[in-house]
């Protein structure tokens, strides 16, 4: 199983990824968690002290590392798709699944996650407007990269994992 989960922050990549990996005896890597572990700082701290370009370089390195071994479910940060190099690496690794949700649902999930504000930076001023703006910019990249798109709005992570497994079985 070589699966990459993409989508905006709050769409369920980490939760669904862990479930999918566990259900299929596969490894799981969240590249954002890998970056935080290796840097010893939160993503927000990296953005604040070193800037977004430095974070994106760390992200590219984490993606290269995560895709070195087969048999994994990999969850990547929402902005990873903005790099052409990342898109190429991810597409070459395996099946890319875009987890989708509407901006209002994403904003609701982000604001209900107590750790999100501490660990993740605002990219365009914050709030629902940021989610709408950044989602609009990234949507064509998500669509181009994905083999499969699945909505996560009002759906349980187990059902989403089952949908991915069913799709993989018929491929």
N, C-alpha and C. Protein backbone atom coordinates (compact mmCIF):
# COMPACT_ATOMS: atom_id res chain seq x y z
N UNK A 1 0.85 -1.18 0.00
CA UNK A 1 0.00 0.00 0.00
C UNK A 1 0.89 1.24 0.00
N UNK A 2 0.84 1.99 -1.08
CA UNK A 2 1.55 3.26 -1.18
C UNK A 2 0.50 4.34 -1.43
N UNK A 3 0.09 4.99 -0.36
CA UNK A 3 -0.99 5.97 -0.44
C UNK A 3 -0.51 7.29 0.14
N UNK A 4 -0.84 8.37 -0.55
CA UNK A 4 -0.54 9.72 -0.08
C UNK A 4 -1.87 10.45 0.10
N UNK A 5 -2.04 11.04 1.27
CA UNK A 5 -3.25 11.83 1.54
C UNK A 5 -2.91 13.31 1.46
N UNK A 6 -3.66 14.02 0.64
CA UNK A 6 -3.48 15.46 0.47
C UNK A 6 -4.80 16.15 0.81
N UNK A 7 -4.72 17.45 1.05
CA UNK A 7 -5.91 18.24 1.31
C UNK A 7 -5.58 19.34 2.30
N UNK A 8 -6.54 20.22 2.47
CA UNK A 8 -6.36 21.39 3.34
C UNK A 8 -6.29 20.95 4.80
N UNK A 9 -5.62 21.74 5.61
CA UNK A 9 -5.56 21.50 7.05
C UNK A 9 -6.97 21.30 7.60
N UNK A 10 -7.13 20.29 8.41
CA UNK A 10 -8.43 20.02 9.02
C UNK A 10 -9.31 19.08 8.23
N UNK A 11 -8.85 18.59 7.08
CA UNK A 11 -9.69 17.72 6.26
C UNK A 11 -9.70 16.28 6.76
N UNK A 12 -8.77 15.93 7.64
CA UNK A 12 -8.75 14.57 8.20
C UNK A 12 -7.60 13.70 7.76
N UNK A 13 -6.59 14.27 7.15
CA UNK A 13 -5.48 13.47 6.62
C UNK A 13 -4.80 12.60 7.68
N UNK A 14 -4.47 13.19 8.81
CA UNK A 14 -3.77 12.44 9.84
C UNK A 14 -4.66 11.38 10.46
N UNK A 15 -5.88 11.73 10.79
CA UNK A 15 -6.81 10.78 11.40
C UNK A 15 -7.10 9.62 10.46
N UNK A 16 -7.47 9.92 9.23
CA UNK A 16 -7.77 8.88 8.25
C UNK A 16 -6.51 8.09 7.91
N UNK A 17 -5.39 8.78 7.80
CA UNK A 17 -4.13 8.10 7.49
C UNK A 17 -3.75 7.07 8.53
N UNK A 18 -3.85 7.42 9.79
CA UNK A 18 -3.54 6.47 10.87
C UNK A 18 -4.46 5.25 10.80
N UNK A 19 -5.75 5.51 10.60
CA UNK A 19 -6.72 4.41 10.50
C UNK A 19 -6.41 3.50 9.31
N UNK A 20 -6.19 4.11 8.17
CA UNK A 20 -5.92 3.35 6.95
C UNK A 20 -4.66 2.51 7.11
N UNK A 21 -3.62 3.08 7.68
CA UNK A 21 -2.38 2.34 7.89
C UNK A 21 -2.60 1.18 8.86
N UNK A 22 -3.29 1.45 9.95
CA UNK A 22 -3.53 0.42 10.95
C UNK A 22 -4.36 -0.73 10.38
N UNK A 23 -5.39 -0.39 9.64
CA UNK A 23 -6.28 -1.41 9.07
C UNK A 23 -5.57 -2.28 8.03
N UNK A 24 -4.49 -1.78 7.45
CA UNK A 24 -3.80 -2.49 6.37
C UNK A 24 -2.37 -2.88 6.72
N UNK A 25 -2.05 -2.82 8.00
CA UNK A 25 -0.70 -3.19 8.47
C UNK A 25 0.39 -2.47 7.67
N UNK A 26 0.16 -1.20 7.44
CA UNK A 26 1.11 -0.37 6.70
C UNK A 26 1.74 0.63 7.67
N UNK A 27 2.87 1.19 7.28
CA UNK A 27 3.47 2.25 8.06
C UNK A 27 2.71 3.55 7.83
N UNK A 28 2.84 4.47 8.76
CA UNK A 28 2.20 5.76 8.61
C UNK A 28 3.20 6.86 8.93
N UNK A 29 3.23 7.88 8.07
CA UNK A 29 4.06 9.05 8.31
C UNK A 29 3.26 10.30 8.00
N UNK A 30 3.26 11.22 8.95
CA UNK A 30 2.70 12.55 8.76
C UNK A 30 3.91 13.46 8.59
N UNK A 31 4.07 14.05 7.41
CA UNK A 31 5.28 14.84 7.16
C UNK A 31 5.37 16.07 8.05
N UNK A 32 4.23 16.65 8.44
CA UNK A 32 4.29 17.78 9.38
C UNK A 32 4.84 17.32 10.72
N UNK A 33 4.40 16.16 11.21
CA UNK A 33 4.92 15.62 12.47
C UNK A 33 6.41 15.32 12.35
N UNK A 34 6.82 14.82 11.20
CA UNK A 34 8.23 14.52 10.97
C UNK A 34 9.07 15.81 11.03
N UNK A 35 8.58 16.86 10.41
CA UNK A 35 9.29 18.15 10.43
C UNK A 35 9.42 18.66 11.86
N UNK A 36 8.33 18.64 12.61
CA UNK A 36 8.34 19.12 13.99
C UNK A 36 9.32 18.31 14.83
N UNK A 37 9.30 17.01 14.64
CA UNK A 37 10.22 16.13 15.39
C UNK A 37 11.68 16.44 15.05
N UNK A 38 11.96 16.55 13.76
CA UNK A 38 13.35 16.80 13.35
C UNK A 38 13.82 18.20 13.72
N UNK A 39 12.95 19.19 13.63
CA UNK A 39 13.34 20.58 13.91
C UNK A 39 13.32 20.90 15.40
N UNK A 40 12.53 20.13 16.15
CA UNK A 40 12.39 20.41 17.58
C UNK A 40 11.60 21.68 17.86
N UNK A 41 10.80 22.11 16.89
CA UNK A 41 9.97 23.31 17.00
C UNK A 41 8.65 23.07 16.29
N UNK A 42 7.63 23.82 16.67
CA UNK A 42 6.36 23.73 15.97
C UNK A 42 6.50 24.38 14.59
N UNK A 43 5.53 24.09 13.75
CA UNK A 43 5.52 24.72 12.43
C UNK A 43 5.37 26.23 12.56
N UNK A 44 4.53 26.67 13.49
CA UNK A 44 4.36 28.11 13.71
C UNK A 44 5.69 28.75 14.12
N UNK A 45 6.46 28.08 14.96
CA UNK A 45 7.77 28.62 15.38
C UNK A 45 8.74 28.68 14.20
N UNK A 46 8.70 27.66 13.36
CA UNK A 46 9.58 27.66 12.17
C UNK A 46 9.21 28.83 11.26
N UNK A 47 7.91 29.01 11.01
CA UNK A 47 7.45 30.13 10.18
C UNK A 47 7.88 31.46 10.79
N UNK A 48 7.69 31.60 12.10
CA UNK A 48 7.99 32.88 12.77
C UNK A 48 9.48 33.21 12.75
N UNK A 49 10.32 32.22 12.96
CA UNK A 49 11.75 32.51 13.06
C UNK A 49 12.49 32.42 11.73
N UNK A 50 12.08 31.51 10.87
CA UNK A 50 12.84 31.26 9.64
C UNK A 50 12.08 31.62 8.37
N UNK A 51 10.76 31.76 8.47
CA UNK A 51 9.94 32.11 7.31
C UNK A 51 9.40 30.89 6.58
N UNK A 52 8.42 31.15 5.73
CA UNK A 52 7.78 30.07 4.98
C UNK A 52 8.74 29.37 4.02
N UNK A 53 9.63 30.09 3.30
CA UNK A 53 10.54 29.37 2.39
C UNK A 53 11.40 28.32 3.11
N UNK A 54 11.85 28.64 4.32
CA UNK A 54 12.65 27.67 5.09
C UNK A 54 11.79 26.47 5.47
N UNK A 55 10.55 26.72 5.86
CA UNK A 55 9.65 25.60 6.19
C UNK A 55 9.42 24.73 4.96
N UNK A 56 9.18 25.34 3.81
CA UNK A 56 8.91 24.58 2.58
C UNK A 56 10.11 23.71 2.20
N UNK A 57 11.31 24.18 2.48
CA UNK A 57 12.52 23.38 2.23
C UNK A 57 12.54 22.16 3.15
N UNK A 58 12.20 22.36 4.43
CA UNK A 58 12.11 21.24 5.37
C UNK A 58 11.02 20.27 4.93
N UNK A 59 9.94 20.80 4.42
CA UNK A 59 8.83 19.96 3.96
C UNK A 59 9.25 19.09 2.78
N UNK A 60 9.97 19.68 1.85
CA UNK A 60 10.44 18.90 0.70
C UNK A 60 11.37 17.77 1.14
N UNK A 61 12.25 18.07 2.09
CA UNK A 61 13.15 17.05 2.62
C UNK A 61 12.36 15.94 3.32
N UNK A 62 11.34 16.31 4.10
CA UNK A 62 10.51 15.33 4.80
C UNK A 62 9.76 14.44 3.80
N UNK A 63 9.28 15.02 2.74
CA UNK A 63 8.56 14.24 1.72
C UNK A 63 9.51 13.26 1.04
N UNK A 64 10.70 13.70 0.73
CA UNK A 64 11.69 12.79 0.13
C UNK A 64 11.99 11.63 1.07
N UNK A 65 12.15 11.93 2.34
CA UNK A 65 12.42 10.89 3.34
C UNK A 65 11.24 9.93 3.49
N UNK A 66 10.04 10.48 3.58
CA UNK A 66 8.84 9.65 3.77
C UNK A 66 8.59 8.71 2.61
N UNK A 67 8.95 9.13 1.40
CA UNK A 67 8.67 8.32 0.21
C UNK A 67 9.81 7.38 -0.16
N UNK A 68 10.83 7.29 0.67
CA UNK A 68 11.95 6.39 0.39
C UNK A 68 11.56 4.91 0.53
N UNK A 69 10.63 4.62 1.42
CA UNK A 69 10.20 3.24 1.66
C UNK A 69 8.78 3.03 1.16
N UNK A 70 8.54 1.84 0.66
CA UNK A 70 7.20 1.48 0.18
C UNK A 70 6.36 0.95 1.33
N UNK A 71 5.09 0.76 1.08
CA UNK A 71 4.19 0.19 2.06
C UNK A 71 3.75 1.15 3.14
N UNK A 72 3.57 2.41 2.76
CA UNK A 72 3.21 3.45 3.73
C UNK A 72 1.97 4.21 3.30
N UNK A 73 1.34 4.77 4.32
CA UNK A 73 0.33 5.81 4.11
C UNK A 73 1.01 7.09 4.59
N UNK A 74 1.05 8.08 3.71
CA UNK A 74 1.74 9.32 4.02
C UNK A 74 0.74 10.47 3.97
N UNK A 75 0.71 11.24 5.05
CA UNK A 75 -0.11 12.44 5.12
C UNK A 75 0.82 13.63 4.97
N UNK A 76 0.52 14.51 4.03
CA UNK A 76 1.38 15.68 3.83
C UNK A 76 0.64 16.96 4.20
N UNK A 77 1.39 17.97 4.56
CA UNK A 77 0.81 19.26 4.89
C UNK A 77 0.01 19.81 3.73
N UNK A 78 -0.99 20.60 4.04
CA UNK A 78 -1.89 21.13 3.02
C UNK A 78 -1.20 21.91 1.91
N UNK A 79 -0.11 22.60 2.25
CA UNK A 79 0.59 23.41 1.26
C UNK A 79 1.67 22.68 0.48
N UNK A 80 1.89 21.42 0.78
CA UNK A 80 2.94 20.66 0.08
C UNK A 80 2.72 20.63 -1.43
N UNK A 81 1.46 20.70 -1.84
CA UNK A 81 1.14 20.62 -3.27
C UNK A 81 1.55 21.87 -4.04
N UNK A 82 1.89 22.93 -3.34
CA UNK A 82 2.28 24.16 -4.03
C UNK A 82 3.66 24.07 -4.67
N UNK A 83 4.40 23.03 -4.32
CA UNK A 83 5.72 22.80 -4.91
C UNK A 83 5.61 21.76 -6.03
N UNK A 84 6.06 22.15 -7.21
CA UNK A 84 6.04 21.23 -8.36
C UNK A 84 6.89 20.00 -8.05
N UNK A 85 8.02 20.18 -7.39
CA UNK A 85 8.89 19.05 -7.04
C UNK A 85 8.15 18.09 -6.11
N UNK A 86 7.44 18.62 -5.11
CA UNK A 86 6.68 17.76 -4.20
C UNK A 86 5.59 17.01 -4.96
N UNK A 87 4.89 17.69 -5.83
CA UNK A 87 3.82 17.03 -6.59
C UNK A 87 4.39 15.86 -7.40
N UNK A 88 5.53 16.06 -7.99
CA UNK A 88 6.16 15.00 -8.78
C UNK A 88 6.54 13.80 -7.90
N UNK A 89 7.14 14.07 -6.77
CA UNK A 89 7.55 13.00 -5.85
C UNK A 89 6.32 12.24 -5.36
N UNK A 90 5.30 12.96 -4.93
CA UNK A 90 4.11 12.32 -4.37
C UNK A 90 3.37 11.49 -5.41
N UNK A 91 3.24 12.01 -6.60
CA UNK A 91 2.55 11.28 -7.68
C UNK A 91 3.31 10.02 -8.03
N UNK A 92 4.64 10.07 -7.98
CA UNK A 92 5.46 8.91 -8.29
C UNK A 92 5.45 7.85 -7.20
N UNK A 93 5.06 8.24 -5.99
CA UNK A 93 5.09 7.30 -4.87
C UNK A 93 3.96 6.29 -4.92
N UNK A 94 2.78 6.74 -5.25
CA UNK A 94 1.64 5.82 -5.22
C UNK A 94 0.33 6.55 -5.47
N UNK A 95 -0.73 5.98 -4.92
CA UNK A 95 -2.06 6.53 -5.09
C UNK A 95 -2.22 7.78 -4.24
N UNK A 96 -2.62 8.87 -4.87
CA UNK A 96 -2.81 10.13 -4.16
C UNK A 96 -4.31 10.34 -3.96
N UNK A 97 -4.70 10.49 -2.69
CA UNK A 97 -6.11 10.68 -2.33
C UNK A 97 -6.28 12.07 -1.75
N UNK A 98 -7.17 12.83 -2.37
CA UNK A 98 -7.48 14.19 -1.92
C UNK A 98 -8.68 14.13 -1.01
N UNK A 99 -8.46 14.46 0.26
CA UNK A 99 -9.56 14.53 1.21
C UNK A 99 -10.12 15.95 1.18
N UNK A 100 -11.38 16.07 0.80
CA UNK A 100 -12.02 17.36 0.57
C UNK A 100 -13.03 17.69 1.67
N UNK A 101 -13.16 18.95 1.95
CA UNK A 101 -14.23 19.46 2.81
C UNK A 101 -14.46 20.92 2.42
N UNK A 102 -15.66 21.40 2.67
CA UNK A 102 -15.95 22.79 2.34
C UNK A 102 -15.25 23.70 3.35
N UNK A 103 -15.06 24.94 2.96
CA UNK A 103 -14.30 25.90 3.77
C UNK A 103 -14.90 26.07 5.17
N UNK A 104 -16.21 26.11 5.26
CA UNK A 104 -16.84 26.30 6.58
C UNK A 104 -16.56 25.12 7.50
N UNK A 105 -16.62 23.90 6.97
CA UNK A 105 -16.31 22.71 7.77
C UNK A 105 -14.85 22.70 8.20
N UNK A 106 -13.97 23.06 7.28
CA UNK A 106 -12.54 23.11 7.61
C UNK A 106 -12.29 24.12 8.72
N UNK A 107 -12.88 25.32 8.59
CA UNK A 107 -12.68 26.35 9.59
C UNK A 107 -13.21 25.89 10.95
N UNK A 108 -14.34 25.24 10.94
CA UNK A 108 -14.92 24.73 12.19
C UNK A 108 -13.99 23.71 12.84
N UNK A 109 -13.43 22.81 12.05
CA UNK A 109 -12.51 21.80 12.58
C UNK A 109 -11.23 22.44 13.11
N UNK A 110 -10.71 23.39 12.36
CA UNK A 110 -9.47 24.07 12.77
C UNK A 110 -9.67 24.80 14.09
N UNK A 111 -10.79 25.51 14.22
CA UNK A 111 -11.01 26.29 15.45
C UNK A 111 -11.38 25.41 16.64
N UNK A 112 -11.88 24.21 16.40
CA UNK A 112 -12.21 23.32 17.51
C UNK A 112 -11.00 22.49 17.96
N UNK A 113 -9.91 22.56 17.20
CA UNK A 113 -8.67 21.86 17.55
C UNK A 113 -7.80 22.81 18.36
N UNK A 114 -7.73 22.58 19.66
CA UNK A 114 -6.99 23.47 20.56
C UNK A 114 -5.52 23.62 20.22
N UNK A 115 -4.91 22.62 19.61
CA UNK A 115 -3.48 22.68 19.31
C UNK A 115 -3.19 23.40 17.99
N UNK A 116 -4.18 23.48 17.11
CA UNK A 116 -3.95 24.02 15.78
C UNK A 116 -3.41 25.44 15.81
N UNK A 117 -4.02 26.32 16.59
CA UNK A 117 -3.59 27.72 16.62
C UNK A 117 -2.17 27.85 17.15
N UNK A 118 -1.81 27.02 18.10
CA UNK A 118 -0.46 27.08 18.67
C UNK A 118 0.59 26.56 17.70
N UNK A 119 0.22 25.55 16.92
CA UNK A 119 1.21 24.84 16.13
C UNK A 119 1.26 25.22 14.66
N UNK A 120 0.21 25.85 14.15
CA UNK A 120 0.15 26.17 12.72
C UNK A 120 0.04 27.67 12.52
N UNK A 121 0.74 28.20 11.54
CA UNK A 121 0.66 29.65 11.29
C UNK A 121 -0.53 30.01 10.41
N UNK A 122 -0.98 31.26 10.54
CA UNK A 122 -1.92 31.80 9.57
C UNK A 122 -1.14 32.07 8.29
N UNK A 123 -1.77 31.85 7.16
CA UNK A 123 -1.08 32.05 5.89
C UNK A 123 -1.57 33.27 5.13
N UNK A 124 -2.78 33.72 5.43
CA UNK A 124 -3.35 34.84 4.69
C UNK A 124 -4.26 35.67 5.58
N UNK A 125 -3.80 35.92 6.80
CA UNK A 125 -4.56 36.77 7.69
C UNK A 125 -5.47 36.06 8.67
N UNK A 126 -5.67 34.76 8.51
CA UNK A 126 -6.47 33.99 9.44
C UNK A 126 -7.96 34.04 9.15
N UNK A 127 -8.69 33.25 9.90
CA UNK A 127 -10.13 33.21 9.80
C UNK A 127 -10.65 32.44 8.61
N UNK A 128 -11.97 32.43 8.50
CA UNK A 128 -12.63 31.74 7.40
C UNK A 128 -12.18 32.30 6.06
N UNK A 129 -11.93 33.60 6.00
CA UNK A 129 -11.47 34.20 4.74
C UNK A 129 -10.17 33.58 4.27
N UNK A 130 -9.26 33.31 5.23
CA UNK A 130 -8.00 32.67 4.86
C UNK A 130 -8.26 31.28 4.29
N UNK A 131 -9.09 30.51 4.95
CA UNK A 131 -9.39 29.16 4.47
C UNK A 131 -9.94 29.23 3.05
N UNK A 132 -10.89 30.12 2.82
CA UNK A 132 -11.49 30.25 1.48
C UNK A 132 -10.45 30.65 0.44
N UNK A 133 -9.61 31.64 0.78
CA UNK A 133 -8.61 32.14 -0.16
C UNK A 133 -7.57 31.08 -0.50
N UNK A 134 -7.01 30.45 0.53
CA UNK A 134 -5.95 29.47 0.30
C UNK A 134 -6.51 28.22 -0.37
N UNK A 135 -7.70 27.81 0.04
CA UNK A 135 -8.34 26.65 -0.57
C UNK A 135 -8.57 26.89 -2.06
N UNK A 136 -9.01 28.09 -2.41
CA UNK A 136 -9.24 28.43 -3.82
C UNK A 136 -7.94 28.32 -4.62
N UNK A 137 -6.85 28.79 -4.03
CA UNK A 137 -5.56 28.75 -4.71
C UNK A 137 -5.05 27.32 -4.88
N UNK A 138 -5.26 26.48 -3.86
CA UNK A 138 -4.72 25.12 -3.89
C UNK A 138 -5.60 24.11 -4.61
N UNK A 139 -6.88 24.38 -4.72
CA UNK A 139 -7.80 23.39 -5.29
C UNK A 139 -7.36 22.86 -6.65
N UNK A 140 -6.94 23.69 -7.59
CA UNK A 140 -6.50 23.13 -8.88
C UNK A 140 -5.29 22.20 -8.74
N UNK A 141 -4.41 22.47 -7.79
CA UNK A 141 -3.25 21.61 -7.58
C UNK A 141 -3.67 20.28 -6.95
N UNK A 142 -4.57 20.33 -5.98
CA UNK A 142 -5.09 19.10 -5.39
C UNK A 142 -5.75 18.24 -6.48
N UNK A 143 -6.58 18.89 -7.29
CA UNK A 143 -7.32 18.17 -8.33
C UNK A 143 -6.39 17.54 -9.36
N UNK A 144 -5.36 18.26 -9.74
CA UNK A 144 -4.41 17.75 -10.73
C UNK A 144 -3.63 16.55 -10.21
N UNK A 145 -3.28 16.59 -8.95
CA UNK A 145 -2.43 15.56 -8.35
C UNK A 145 -3.19 14.29 -7.98
N UNK A 146 -4.44 14.42 -7.59
CA UNK A 146 -5.18 13.30 -7.01
C UNK A 146 -5.62 12.25 -8.03
N UNK A 147 -5.49 11.00 -7.61
CA UNK A 147 -6.09 9.90 -8.35
C UNK A 147 -7.56 9.74 -7.92
N UNK A 148 -7.83 10.10 -6.67
CA UNK A 148 -9.15 9.92 -6.07
C UNK A 148 -9.44 11.10 -5.16
N UNK A 149 -10.66 11.60 -5.20
CA UNK A 149 -11.10 12.67 -4.30
C UNK A 149 -12.27 12.15 -3.48
N UNK A 150 -12.20 12.36 -2.17
CA UNK A 150 -13.24 11.89 -1.26
C UNK A 150 -13.62 13.02 -0.33
N UNK A 151 -14.92 13.26 -0.20
CA UNK A 151 -15.36 14.29 0.73
C UNK A 151 -15.33 13.74 2.15
N UNK A 152 -14.92 14.60 3.07
CA UNK A 152 -14.86 14.20 4.48
C UNK A 152 -15.90 14.94 5.32
N UNK A 153 -16.62 15.86 4.71
CA UNK A 153 -17.62 16.64 5.43
C UNK A 153 -18.71 15.71 5.95
N UNK A 154 -18.94 15.76 7.27
CA UNK A 154 -19.99 14.97 7.93
C UNK A 154 -19.84 13.47 7.71
N UNK A 155 -18.60 12.99 7.58
CA UNK A 155 -18.37 11.55 7.39
C UNK A 155 -17.37 11.06 8.43
N UNK A 156 -17.60 9.87 8.97
CA UNK A 156 -16.72 9.30 9.98
C UNK A 156 -15.42 8.83 9.32
N UNK A 157 -14.28 9.02 10.00
CA UNK A 157 -13.00 8.59 9.44
C UNK A 157 -12.96 7.11 9.03
N UNK A 158 -13.63 6.23 9.76
CA UNK A 158 -13.65 4.81 9.38
C UNK A 158 -14.32 4.60 8.03
N UNK A 159 -15.37 5.34 7.77
CA UNK A 159 -16.08 5.23 6.48
C UNK A 159 -15.19 5.74 5.35
N UNK A 160 -14.48 6.80 5.62
CA UNK A 160 -13.57 7.36 4.61
C UNK A 160 -12.46 6.35 4.31
N UNK A 161 -11.89 5.74 5.34
CA UNK A 161 -10.85 4.71 5.15
C UNK A 161 -11.40 3.54 4.34
N UNK A 162 -12.63 3.14 4.64
CA UNK A 162 -13.27 2.04 3.88
C UNK A 162 -13.43 2.42 2.41
N UNK A 163 -13.82 3.66 2.15
CA UNK A 163 -13.97 4.12 0.77
C UNK A 163 -12.64 4.06 0.02
N UNK A 164 -11.57 4.46 0.67
CA UNK A 164 -10.25 4.41 0.04
C UNK A 164 -9.86 2.97 -0.25
N UNK A 165 -10.08 2.09 0.73
CA UNK A 165 -9.75 0.67 0.54
C UNK A 165 -10.55 0.07 -0.62
N UNK A 166 -11.82 0.39 -0.69
CA UNK A 166 -12.66 -0.14 -1.78
C UNK A 166 -12.16 0.34 -3.13
N UNK A 167 -11.77 1.60 -3.21
CA UNK A 167 -11.26 2.14 -4.48
C UNK A 167 -9.95 1.45 -4.86
N UNK A 168 -9.08 1.25 -3.87
CA UNK A 168 -7.79 0.60 -4.13
C UNK A 168 -7.98 -0.84 -4.63
N UNK A 169 -8.99 -1.53 -4.12
CA UNK A 169 -9.24 -2.91 -4.52
C UNK A 169 -9.64 -3.04 -5.98
N UNK A 170 -10.32 -2.04 -6.52
CA UNK A 170 -10.77 -2.15 -7.92
C UNK A 170 -9.75 -1.58 -8.91
N UNK A 171 -8.66 -1.06 -8.40
CA UNK A 171 -7.64 -0.50 -9.30
C UNK A 171 -6.66 -1.56 -9.75
